[in-house]
Amino acid sequence: MKSREFERLIDDEEIEGWKIKEDGDERVLMFKPNYGTLGGHTLVALLTVWWTFGIGNGLYAAYKYVKSPQKVVREEQIEVEKEQPTIVNNNSLQ
């Protein structure tokens, strides 16, 4: 069973645009969907639309989606974050 802090950490990641790919009790595999950039789609369209009738852009989007960034969020990260001291910049206090 997940702790509230771990669920809160996962919720924060989802707010930042990450999606859950695999969900476990102690770790969650997340990915950030990416379908390519406007410039990339424009370039692919200019180079391939005549021969592929837009299929090239679909393949480009699928490729970028499959290669989307992934990360693993573990429950141990909560303990590490608690133990790290907060750093205060003393120069800004003067």
N, C-alpha and C. Protein backbone atom coordinates (compact mmCIF):
# COMPACT_ATOMS: atom_id res chain seq x y z
N MET A 1 0.83 -1.17 0.00
CA MET A 1 0.00 0.00 0.00
C MET A 1 0.88 1.25 0.00
N LYS A 2 0.51 2.23 -0.80
CA LYS A 2 1.30 3.45 -0.93
C LYS A 2 1.00 4.42 0.20
N SER A 3 2.04 5.11 0.63
CA SER A 3 1.85 6.14 1.65
C SER A 3 1.24 7.39 1.01
N ARG A 4 0.69 8.24 1.84
CA ARG A 4 0.09 9.48 1.33
C ARG A 4 1.14 10.36 0.67
N GLU A 5 2.33 10.40 1.26
CA GLU A 5 3.41 11.22 0.70
C GLU A 5 3.81 10.72 -0.68
N PHE A 6 3.87 9.39 -0.85
CA PHE A 6 4.22 8.82 -2.14
C PHE A 6 3.14 9.13 -3.18
N GLU A 7 1.88 9.01 -2.78
CA GLU A 7 0.78 9.34 -3.70
C GLU A 7 0.81 10.82 -4.05
N ARG A 8 1.16 11.67 -3.09
CA ARG A 8 1.27 13.11 -3.35
C ARG A 8 2.40 13.39 -4.35
N LEU A 9 3.53 12.67 -4.21
CA LEU A 9 4.64 12.82 -5.14
C LEU A 9 4.22 12.43 -6.55
N ILE A 10 3.49 11.33 -6.67
CA ILE A 10 3.01 10.88 -7.97
C ILE A 10 2.02 11.90 -8.55
N ASP A 11 1.13 12.42 -7.73
CA ASP A 11 0.18 13.45 -8.19
C ASP A 11 0.91 14.68 -8.70
N ASP A 12 1.98 15.09 -8.00
CA ASP A 12 2.76 16.24 -8.44
C ASP A 12 3.37 15.99 -9.82
N GLU A 13 3.87 14.78 -10.04
CA GLU A 13 4.45 14.44 -11.34
C GLU A 13 3.38 14.45 -12.43
N GLU A 14 2.18 13.98 -12.11
CA GLU A 14 1.09 13.99 -13.09
C GLU A 14 0.69 15.41 -13.45
N ILE A 15 0.72 16.31 -12.48
CA ILE A 15 0.41 17.71 -12.74
C ILE A 15 1.43 18.30 -13.71
N GLU A 16 2.68 17.85 -13.62
CA GLU A 16 3.74 18.34 -14.51
C GLU A 16 3.68 17.69 -15.90
N GLY A 17 2.70 16.82 -16.14
CA GLY A 17 2.53 16.24 -17.47
C GLY A 17 2.98 14.80 -17.62
N TRP A 18 3.47 14.18 -16.57
CA TRP A 18 3.90 12.79 -16.63
C TRP A 18 2.68 11.88 -16.50
N LYS A 19 2.69 10.76 -17.22
CA LYS A 19 1.61 9.77 -17.18
C LYS A 19 2.15 8.47 -16.58
N ILE A 20 1.29 7.72 -15.91
CA ILE A 20 1.68 6.45 -15.32
C ILE A 20 1.66 5.36 -16.39
N LYS A 21 2.78 4.65 -16.51
CA LYS A 21 2.87 3.53 -17.45
C LYS A 21 2.71 2.21 -16.71
N GLU A 22 3.41 2.06 -15.58
CA GLU A 22 3.30 0.88 -14.74
C GLU A 22 3.18 1.33 -13.29
N ASP A 23 2.24 0.76 -12.57
CA ASP A 23 1.99 1.17 -11.20
C ASP A 23 2.28 0.01 -10.26
N GLY A 24 3.14 0.25 -9.27
CA GLY A 24 3.45 -0.76 -8.27
C GLY A 24 3.32 -0.17 -6.88
N ASP A 25 3.55 -0.98 -5.86
CA ASP A 25 3.43 -0.49 -4.49
C ASP A 25 4.60 0.41 -4.09
N GLU A 26 5.81 0.05 -4.52
CA GLU A 26 6.99 0.80 -4.09
C GLU A 26 7.61 1.64 -5.20
N ARG A 27 7.17 1.45 -6.44
CA ARG A 27 7.71 2.24 -7.54
C ARG A 27 6.65 2.42 -8.61
N VAL A 28 6.78 3.50 -9.36
CA VAL A 28 5.86 3.81 -10.45
C VAL A 28 6.70 4.23 -11.65
N LEU A 29 6.47 3.60 -12.79
CA LEU A 29 7.14 3.97 -14.03
C LEU A 29 6.26 4.99 -14.73
N MET A 30 6.85 6.15 -15.02
CA MET A 30 6.09 7.24 -15.64
C MET A 30 6.76 7.65 -16.95
N PHE A 31 5.96 8.21 -17.84
CA PHE A 31 6.49 8.73 -19.09
C PHE A 31 5.80 10.04 -19.43
N LYS A 32 6.49 10.85 -20.23
CA LYS A 32 5.95 12.15 -20.63
C LYS A 32 5.67 12.07 -22.14
N PRO A 33 4.39 11.99 -22.51
CA PRO A 33 4.05 11.84 -23.92
C PRO A 33 4.60 12.98 -24.77
N ASN A 34 5.12 12.60 -25.93
CA ASN A 34 5.70 13.56 -26.86
C ASN A 34 5.33 13.11 -28.26
N TYR A 35 4.76 13.99 -29.05
CA TYR A 35 4.36 13.65 -30.41
C TYR A 35 5.21 14.36 -31.45
N GLY A 36 6.27 15.01 -31.03
CA GLY A 36 7.14 15.72 -31.96
C GLY A 36 6.85 17.21 -31.94
N THR A 37 7.75 17.96 -32.55
CA THR A 37 7.63 19.41 -32.57
C THR A 37 6.93 19.86 -33.85
N LEU A 38 6.44 21.07 -33.83
CA LEU A 38 5.81 21.64 -35.02
C LEU A 38 6.81 21.71 -36.17
N GLY A 39 8.04 22.12 -35.86
CA GLY A 39 9.08 22.19 -36.88
C GLY A 39 9.40 20.82 -37.47
N GLY A 40 9.44 19.81 -36.60
CA GLY A 40 9.71 18.45 -37.07
C GLY A 40 8.61 17.95 -37.98
N HIS A 41 7.36 18.19 -37.61
CA HIS A 41 6.24 17.76 -38.44
C HIS A 41 6.21 18.52 -39.77
N THR A 42 6.56 19.81 -39.73
CA THR A 42 6.61 20.60 -40.96
C THR A 42 7.68 20.06 -41.89
N LEU A 43 8.85 19.77 -41.36
CA LEU A 43 9.93 19.23 -42.17
C LEU A 43 9.56 17.88 -42.77
N VAL A 44 9.00 17.00 -41.96
CA VAL A 44 8.58 15.68 -42.46
C VAL A 44 7.51 15.85 -43.54
N ALA A 45 6.58 16.76 -43.33
CA ALA A 45 5.53 16.99 -44.31
C ALA A 45 6.11 17.51 -45.62
N LEU A 46 7.02 18.46 -45.54
CA LEU A 46 7.62 19.02 -46.76
C LEU A 46 8.39 17.96 -47.55
N LEU A 47 9.04 17.06 -46.82
CA LEU A 47 9.87 16.05 -47.50
C LEU A 47 9.10 14.81 -47.95
N THR A 48 7.97 14.49 -47.30
CA THR A 48 7.34 13.21 -47.60
C THR A 48 5.87 13.26 -47.97
N VAL A 49 5.20 14.39 -47.81
CA VAL A 49 3.74 14.41 -47.99
C VAL A 49 3.33 14.01 -49.41
N TRP A 50 4.12 14.35 -50.41
CA TRP A 50 3.78 14.03 -51.79
C TRP A 50 3.72 12.52 -52.03
N TRP A 51 4.60 11.77 -51.35
CA TRP A 51 4.67 10.33 -51.58
C TRP A 51 3.89 9.52 -50.55
N THR A 52 3.72 10.06 -49.35
CA THR A 52 3.09 9.27 -48.30
C THR A 52 1.69 9.75 -47.92
N PHE A 53 1.25 10.88 -48.47
CA PHE A 53 -0.08 11.44 -48.20
C PHE A 53 -0.34 11.62 -46.70
N GLY A 54 0.67 12.04 -45.96
CA GLY A 54 0.53 12.31 -44.53
C GLY A 54 0.90 11.15 -43.62
N ILE A 55 1.12 9.98 -44.19
CA ILE A 55 1.49 8.83 -43.36
C ILE A 55 2.85 9.05 -42.71
N GLY A 56 3.73 9.77 -43.39
CA GLY A 56 5.05 10.08 -42.82
C GLY A 56 4.93 10.85 -41.51
N ASN A 57 3.99 11.80 -41.46
CA ASN A 57 3.78 12.55 -40.22
C ASN A 57 3.23 11.65 -39.12
N GLY A 58 2.35 10.74 -39.45
CA GLY A 58 1.83 9.79 -38.47
C GLY A 58 2.93 8.90 -37.92
N LEU A 59 3.82 8.45 -38.80
CA LEU A 59 4.94 7.62 -38.36
C LEU A 59 5.91 8.41 -37.49
N TYR A 60 6.13 9.68 -37.86
CA TYR A 60 7.00 10.54 -37.05
C TYR A 60 6.41 10.73 -35.65
N ALA A 61 5.10 10.98 -35.55
CA ALA A 61 4.44 11.15 -34.25
C ALA A 61 4.52 9.86 -33.44
N ALA A 62 4.31 8.72 -34.08
CA ALA A 62 4.39 7.43 -33.37
C ALA A 62 5.82 7.18 -32.86
N TYR A 63 6.82 7.50 -33.69
CA TYR A 63 8.21 7.32 -33.28
C TYR A 63 8.53 8.19 -32.06
N LYS A 64 8.12 9.46 -32.09
CA LYS A 64 8.39 10.36 -30.97
C LYS A 64 7.65 9.91 -29.70
N TYR A 65 6.45 9.36 -29.85
CA TYR A 65 5.68 8.88 -28.71
C TYR A 65 6.37 7.68 -28.06
N VAL A 66 6.85 6.76 -28.89
CA VAL A 66 7.53 5.57 -28.36
C VAL A 66 8.84 5.96 -27.67
N LYS A 67 9.50 6.97 -28.17
CA LYS A 67 10.78 7.42 -27.60
C LYS A 67 10.59 8.51 -26.54
N SER A 68 9.38 8.66 -26.00
CA SER A 68 9.12 9.67 -24.96
C SER A 68 9.98 9.40 -23.73
N PRO A 69 10.37 10.46 -23.02
CA PRO A 69 11.18 10.27 -21.81
C PRO A 69 10.41 9.49 -20.75
N GLN A 70 11.14 8.65 -20.01
CA GLN A 70 10.56 7.84 -18.94
C GLN A 70 11.37 8.05 -17.67
N LYS A 71 10.71 7.84 -16.53
CA LYS A 71 11.43 7.87 -15.26
C LYS A 71 10.70 6.99 -14.26
N VAL A 72 11.47 6.53 -13.28
CA VAL A 72 10.92 5.70 -12.22
C VAL A 72 10.86 6.54 -10.95
N VAL A 73 9.69 6.57 -10.33
CA VAL A 73 9.51 7.25 -9.06
C VAL A 73 9.42 6.17 -8.00
N ARG A 74 10.31 6.25 -7.01
CA ARG A 74 10.36 5.24 -5.94
C ARG A 74 9.97 5.87 -4.61
N GLU A 75 9.46 5.03 -3.74
CA GLU A 75 9.06 5.50 -2.42
C GLU A 75 10.28 5.96 -1.61
N GLU A 76 11.46 5.41 -1.88
CA GLU A 76 12.66 5.82 -1.16
C GLU A 76 12.99 7.29 -1.40
N GLN A 77 12.55 7.86 -2.52
CA GLN A 77 12.84 9.26 -2.82
C GLN A 77 12.25 10.18 -1.75
N ILE A 78 11.16 9.79 -1.16
CA ILE A 78 10.52 10.61 -0.13
C ILE A 78 11.45 10.71 1.08
N GLU A 79 12.05 9.60 1.47
CA GLU A 79 12.95 9.60 2.62
C GLU A 79 14.18 10.46 2.35
N VAL A 80 14.72 10.40 1.14
CA VAL A 80 15.89 11.19 0.78
C VAL A 80 15.55 12.67 0.82
N GLU A 81 14.39 13.05 0.30
CA GLU A 81 13.99 14.45 0.30
C GLU A 81 13.82 14.98 1.72
N LYS A 82 13.35 14.15 2.65
CA LYS A 82 13.18 14.57 4.03
C LYS A 82 14.52 14.82 4.70
N GLU A 83 15.54 14.03 4.37
CA GLU A 83 16.83 14.11 5.04
C GLU A 83 17.69 15.25 4.52
N GLN A 84 17.44 15.75 3.31
CA GLN A 84 18.27 16.82 2.76
C GLN A 84 17.91 18.15 3.42
N PRO A 85 18.91 18.86 3.92
CA PRO A 85 18.63 20.15 4.56
C PRO A 85 18.27 21.21 3.52
N THR A 86 17.52 22.18 3.95
CA THR A 86 17.17 23.30 3.08
C THR A 86 18.32 24.28 3.09
N ILE A 87 18.74 24.71 1.91
CA ILE A 87 19.86 25.64 1.78
C ILE A 87 19.31 27.04 1.65
N VAL A 88 19.79 27.93 2.50
CA VAL A 88 19.35 29.32 2.48
C VAL A 88 20.53 30.16 2.00
N ASN A 89 20.25 31.06 1.06
CA ASN A 89 21.29 31.97 0.57
C ASN A 89 21.42 33.12 1.56
N ASN A 90 22.52 33.17 2.30
CA ASN A 90 22.72 34.19 3.32
C ASN A 90 22.90 35.58 2.74
N ASN A 91 23.36 35.67 1.50
CA ASN A 91 23.58 36.99 0.89
C ASN A 91 22.27 37.74 0.70
N SER A 92 21.17 37.03 0.49
CA SER A 92 19.90 37.70 0.27
C SER A 92 19.28 38.22 1.56
N LEU A 93 19.78 37.76 2.72
CA LEU A 93 19.23 38.19 4.00
C LEU A 93 19.83 39.49 4.49
N GLN A 94 20.93 39.93 3.93
CA GLN A 94 21.61 41.14 4.40
C GLN A 94 21.02 42.38 3.80
